[in-house]
Amino acid sequence: MLKTQTPVGLQAVLWSRDLTNLDINNDKHYIINQVLAYGFMEHLKWLFKTYPKEVLNKTFIEKPVKIYSPKSFNFIKFLLFGSKNVDLDEQKYVQNSL
């Protein structure tokens, strides 16, 4: 069973929301994508302890958010799927750089 509140240490990664109103079950798509895109290693460790890998994979595939850099997209894709050939439309994930 998942805890319902996010740790205070994640405020820097989840900056656009108030952690006191954030629920890790109801807001999992936002939390997962934000931590994957902007989190440091300790944030990623928390994420993998909090959510089953199947939930992380499913969220990444089914709820893409265009917030990733090309490097972070490739890193997260490898972290989640390893060397499996997963066909993902990079345009749904990667921000345009100016």
N, C-alpha and C. Protein backbone atom coordinates (compact mmCIF):
# COMPACT_ATOMS: atom_id res chain seq x y z
N MET A 1 0.85 -1.19 0.00
CA MET A 1 0.00 0.00 0.00
C MET A 1 0.88 1.24 0.00
N LEU A 2 0.53 2.22 -0.82
CA LEU A 2 1.32 3.44 -0.93
C LEU A 2 0.99 4.42 0.19
N LYS A 3 2.01 5.16 0.59
CA LYS A 3 1.77 6.26 1.52
C LYS A 3 0.97 7.31 0.75
N THR A 4 0.26 8.16 1.45
CA THR A 4 -0.55 9.13 0.74
C THR A 4 0.11 10.49 0.59
N GLN A 5 1.14 10.78 1.37
CA GLN A 5 1.78 12.08 1.27
C GLN A 5 3.18 11.97 0.68
N THR A 6 3.60 13.04 0.02
CA THR A 6 4.93 13.07 -0.55
C THR A 6 5.91 13.66 0.47
N PRO A 7 7.16 13.21 0.46
CA PRO A 7 8.14 13.76 1.39
C PRO A 7 8.45 15.22 1.08
N VAL A 8 8.75 15.96 2.12
CA VAL A 8 9.06 17.38 1.97
C VAL A 8 10.26 17.59 1.05
N GLY A 9 11.21 16.67 1.03
CA GLY A 9 12.40 16.78 0.19
C GLY A 9 12.11 16.83 -1.31
N LEU A 10 10.89 16.51 -1.70
CA LEU A 10 10.53 16.54 -3.12
C LEU A 10 9.97 17.89 -3.58
N GLN A 11 9.84 18.84 -2.69
CA GLN A 11 9.25 20.13 -3.06
C GLN A 11 10.01 20.79 -4.21
N ALA A 12 11.33 20.64 -4.24
CA ALA A 12 12.12 21.26 -5.31
C ALA A 12 11.79 20.66 -6.68
N VAL A 13 11.39 19.40 -6.71
CA VAL A 13 11.06 18.72 -7.96
C VAL A 13 9.59 18.92 -8.32
N LEU A 14 8.76 19.04 -7.31
CA LEU A 14 7.32 19.20 -7.50
C LEU A 14 6.92 20.65 -7.21
N TRP A 15 7.70 21.59 -7.72
CA TRP A 15 7.58 22.99 -7.37
C TRP A 15 6.24 23.63 -7.71
N SER A 16 5.55 23.13 -8.69
CA SER A 16 4.32 23.80 -9.13
C SER A 16 3.10 23.42 -8.30
N ARG A 17 3.28 22.55 -7.33
CA ARG A 17 2.16 22.12 -6.50
C ARG A 17 2.53 22.22 -5.03
N ASP A 18 1.53 22.38 -4.19
CA ASP A 18 1.70 22.40 -2.74
C ASP A 18 1.69 20.95 -2.25
N LEU A 19 2.78 20.53 -1.62
CA LEU A 19 2.88 19.14 -1.18
C LEU A 19 1.79 18.74 -0.19
N THR A 20 1.28 19.68 0.57
CA THR A 20 0.23 19.33 1.54
C THR A 20 -1.07 18.94 0.84
N ASN A 21 -1.24 19.35 -0.41
CA ASN A 21 -2.45 19.01 -1.17
C ASN A 21 -2.18 17.94 -2.22
N LEU A 22 -1.01 17.34 -2.19
CA LEU A 22 -0.61 16.36 -3.19
C LEU A 22 -0.73 14.95 -2.60
N ASP A 23 -1.38 14.07 -3.32
CA ASP A 23 -1.57 12.69 -2.87
C ASP A 23 -0.85 11.77 -3.85
N ILE A 24 -0.01 10.88 -3.34
CA ILE A 24 0.80 10.06 -4.24
C ILE A 24 -0.03 9.06 -5.04
N ASN A 25 -1.23 8.78 -4.63
CA ASN A 25 -2.11 7.91 -5.41
C ASN A 25 -2.85 8.71 -6.48
N ASN A 26 -3.51 9.77 -6.08
CA ASN A 26 -4.32 10.56 -7.01
C ASN A 26 -3.49 11.39 -7.98
N ASP A 27 -2.29 11.79 -7.57
CA ASP A 27 -1.44 12.66 -8.39
C ASP A 27 -0.22 11.94 -8.94
N LYS A 28 -0.30 10.62 -9.07
CA LYS A 28 0.87 9.84 -9.43
C LYS A 28 1.43 10.18 -10.81
N HIS A 29 0.60 10.53 -11.77
CA HIS A 29 1.11 10.84 -13.11
C HIS A 29 1.99 12.10 -13.06
N TYR A 30 1.53 13.10 -12.36
CA TYR A 30 2.31 14.32 -12.19
C TYR A 30 3.61 14.02 -11.44
N ILE A 31 3.51 13.34 -10.32
CA ILE A 31 4.68 13.05 -9.48
C ILE A 31 5.71 12.23 -10.26
N ILE A 32 5.27 11.17 -10.91
CA ILE A 32 6.19 10.29 -11.63
C ILE A 32 6.92 11.04 -12.73
N ASN A 33 6.21 11.78 -13.56
CA ASN A 33 6.88 12.50 -14.64
C ASN A 33 7.79 13.60 -14.14
N GLN A 34 7.38 14.32 -13.12
CA GLN A 34 8.23 15.38 -12.58
C GLN A 34 9.53 14.81 -12.00
N VAL A 35 9.40 13.74 -11.22
CA VAL A 35 10.59 13.15 -10.60
C VAL A 35 11.49 12.54 -11.67
N LEU A 36 10.92 11.87 -12.65
CA LEU A 36 11.74 11.30 -13.71
C LEU A 36 12.47 12.38 -14.50
N ALA A 37 11.81 13.49 -14.77
CA ALA A 37 12.42 14.55 -15.58
C ALA A 37 13.40 15.41 -14.81
N TYR A 38 13.10 15.70 -13.54
CA TYR A 38 13.88 16.71 -12.81
C TYR A 38 14.57 16.20 -11.55
N GLY A 39 14.26 14.98 -11.15
CA GLY A 39 14.77 14.49 -9.88
C GLY A 39 16.24 14.12 -9.89
N PHE A 40 16.83 14.15 -8.71
CA PHE A 40 18.19 13.68 -8.49
C PHE A 40 18.12 12.22 -8.07
N MET A 41 19.25 11.60 -7.89
CA MET A 41 19.29 10.17 -7.60
C MET A 41 18.46 9.82 -6.37
N GLU A 42 18.51 10.63 -5.31
CA GLU A 42 17.71 10.31 -4.11
C GLU A 42 16.22 10.38 -4.38
N HIS A 43 15.82 11.26 -5.29
CA HIS A 43 14.41 11.35 -5.68
C HIS A 43 13.99 10.12 -6.48
N LEU A 44 14.87 9.69 -7.39
CA LEU A 44 14.57 8.49 -8.18
C LEU A 44 14.49 7.26 -7.30
N LYS A 45 15.37 7.16 -6.31
CA LYS A 45 15.32 6.03 -5.38
C LYS A 45 13.99 6.01 -4.64
N TRP A 46 13.54 7.18 -4.17
CA TRP A 46 12.24 7.27 -3.50
C TRP A 46 11.12 6.83 -4.45
N LEU A 47 11.19 7.28 -5.69
CA LEU A 47 10.16 6.96 -6.68
C LEU A 47 10.06 5.45 -6.89
N PHE A 48 11.21 4.79 -7.04
CA PHE A 48 11.22 3.34 -7.28
C PHE A 48 10.81 2.55 -6.04
N LYS A 49 10.99 3.13 -4.85
CA LYS A 49 10.51 2.47 -3.63
C LYS A 49 9.02 2.68 -3.43
N THR A 50 8.51 3.78 -3.94
CA THR A 50 7.12 4.16 -3.71
C THR A 50 6.16 3.51 -4.70
N TYR A 51 6.56 3.43 -5.95
CA TYR A 51 5.69 2.89 -6.99
C TYR A 51 6.30 1.62 -7.59
N PRO A 52 5.47 0.63 -7.89
CA PRO A 52 5.99 -0.55 -8.60
C PRO A 52 6.50 -0.15 -9.98
N LYS A 53 7.51 -0.84 -10.47
CA LYS A 53 8.09 -0.50 -11.76
C LYS A 53 7.05 -0.55 -12.89
N GLU A 54 6.08 -1.45 -12.77
CA GLU A 54 5.03 -1.53 -13.79
C GLU A 54 4.23 -0.23 -13.86
N VAL A 55 3.99 0.38 -12.71
CA VAL A 55 3.26 1.66 -12.67
C VAL A 55 4.11 2.76 -13.31
N LEU A 56 5.41 2.77 -13.01
CA LEU A 56 6.30 3.77 -13.60
C LEU A 56 6.34 3.62 -15.12
N ASN A 57 6.51 2.39 -15.58
CA ASN A 57 6.56 2.14 -17.03
C ASN A 57 5.25 2.54 -17.71
N LYS A 58 4.14 2.11 -17.13
CA LYS A 58 2.83 2.41 -17.71
C LYS A 58 2.58 3.92 -17.76
N THR A 59 2.92 4.62 -16.69
CA THR A 59 2.73 6.06 -16.66
C THR A 59 3.60 6.74 -17.71
N PHE A 60 4.85 6.32 -17.81
CA PHE A 60 5.76 6.93 -18.79
C PHE A 60 5.25 6.71 -20.21
N ILE A 61 4.74 5.55 -20.49
CA ILE A 61 4.25 5.23 -21.84
C ILE A 61 2.90 5.89 -22.12
N GLU A 62 1.96 5.78 -21.18
CA GLU A 62 0.58 6.20 -21.44
C GLU A 62 0.28 7.65 -21.09
N LYS A 63 1.11 8.27 -20.27
CA LYS A 63 0.87 9.66 -19.86
C LYS A 63 2.10 10.51 -20.14
N PRO A 64 2.55 10.58 -21.39
CA PRO A 64 3.76 11.36 -21.69
C PRO A 64 3.54 12.85 -21.44
N VAL A 65 4.59 13.47 -20.98
CA VAL A 65 4.56 14.91 -20.74
C VAL A 65 5.80 15.51 -21.41
N LYS A 66 5.62 16.60 -22.09
CA LYS A 66 6.70 17.21 -22.86
C LYS A 66 7.55 18.11 -21.97
N ILE A 67 8.30 17.47 -21.05
CA ILE A 67 9.13 18.22 -20.10
C ILE A 67 10.57 17.71 -20.05
N TYR A 68 10.89 16.69 -20.84
CA TYR A 68 12.20 16.05 -20.77
C TYR A 68 13.18 16.71 -21.74
N SER A 69 14.44 16.75 -21.34
CA SER A 69 15.50 17.11 -22.27
C SER A 69 15.81 15.84 -23.08
N PRO A 70 16.47 15.96 -24.22
CA PRO A 70 16.83 14.75 -24.97
C PRO A 70 17.66 13.77 -24.14
N LYS A 71 18.60 14.28 -23.36
CA LYS A 71 19.45 13.41 -22.53
C LYS A 71 18.65 12.74 -21.42
N SER A 72 17.79 13.50 -20.75
CA SER A 72 17.02 12.90 -19.66
C SER A 72 16.01 11.89 -20.21
N PHE A 73 15.43 12.16 -21.37
CA PHE A 73 14.51 11.21 -22.00
C PHE A 73 15.21 9.88 -22.27
N ASN A 74 16.38 9.94 -22.86
CA ASN A 74 17.12 8.71 -23.16
C ASN A 74 17.56 7.99 -21.89
N PHE A 75 17.97 8.73 -20.87
CA PHE A 75 18.36 8.12 -19.60
C PHE A 75 17.17 7.41 -18.96
N ILE A 76 16.04 8.08 -18.88
CA ILE A 76 14.86 7.50 -18.25
C ILE A 76 14.35 6.31 -19.06
N LYS A 77 14.36 6.42 -20.36
CA LYS A 77 13.95 5.30 -21.22
C LYS A 77 14.83 4.08 -20.93
N PHE A 78 16.14 4.28 -20.82
CA PHE A 78 17.04 3.16 -20.50
C PHE A 78 16.81 2.67 -19.07
N LEU A 79 16.62 3.58 -18.13
CA LEU A 79 16.40 3.21 -16.73
C LEU A 79 15.15 2.34 -16.59
N LEU A 80 14.09 2.71 -17.28
CA LEU A 80 12.83 1.98 -17.16
C LEU A 80 12.79 0.69 -17.99
N PHE A 81 13.38 0.72 -19.17
CA PHE A 81 13.20 -0.40 -20.10
C PHE A 81 14.49 -1.14 -20.45
N GLY A 82 15.62 -0.64 -19.97
CA GLY A 82 16.89 -1.29 -20.27
C GLY A 82 17.15 -1.31 -21.76
N SER A 83 17.63 -2.42 -22.25
CA SER A 83 17.97 -2.52 -23.66
C SER A 83 16.80 -2.98 -24.52
N LYS A 84 15.61 -3.13 -23.92
CA LYS A 84 14.43 -3.50 -24.70
C LYS A 84 14.14 -2.41 -25.72
N ASN A 85 13.72 -2.81 -26.88
CA ASN A 85 13.39 -1.84 -27.92
C ASN A 85 11.94 -1.39 -27.73
N VAL A 86 11.77 -0.29 -27.03
CA VAL A 86 10.44 0.27 -26.77
C VAL A 86 10.26 1.46 -27.70
N ASP A 87 9.23 1.40 -28.53
CA ASP A 87 8.98 2.45 -29.51
C ASP A 87 8.18 3.57 -28.87
N LEU A 88 8.86 4.68 -28.58
CA LEU A 88 8.21 5.84 -27.99
C LEU A 88 8.42 7.04 -28.91
N ASP A 89 7.39 7.85 -29.07
CA ASP A 89 7.48 9.05 -29.89
C ASP A 89 8.16 10.15 -29.06
N GLU A 90 9.43 10.38 -29.35
CA GLU A 90 10.23 11.35 -28.59
C GLU A 90 9.58 12.73 -28.58
N GLN A 91 8.86 13.09 -29.60
CA GLN A 91 8.22 14.40 -29.68
C GLN A 91 7.17 14.62 -28.58
N LYS A 92 6.66 13.54 -28.01
CA LYS A 92 5.68 13.65 -26.94
C LYS A 92 6.34 13.89 -25.58
N TYR A 93 7.65 13.75 -25.52
CA TYR A 93 8.39 13.83 -24.26
C TYR A 93 9.39 14.99 -24.20
N VAL A 94 10.06 15.25 -25.30
CA VAL A 94 11.20 16.16 -25.30
C VAL A 94 10.78 17.58 -25.64
N GLN A 95 11.24 18.50 -24.79
CA GLN A 95 10.97 19.92 -25.00
C GLN A 95 11.77 20.42 -26.19
N ASN A 96 11.24 21.36 -26.90
CA ASN A 96 12.00 22.01 -27.95
C ASN A 96 13.02 22.92 -27.30
N SER A 97 14.26 22.83 -27.75
CA SER A 97 15.28 23.72 -27.19
C SER A 97 15.41 24.95 -28.08
N LEU A 98 15.65 26.07 -27.45
CA LEU A 98 15.75 27.32 -28.21
C LEU A 98 17.17 27.61 -28.56
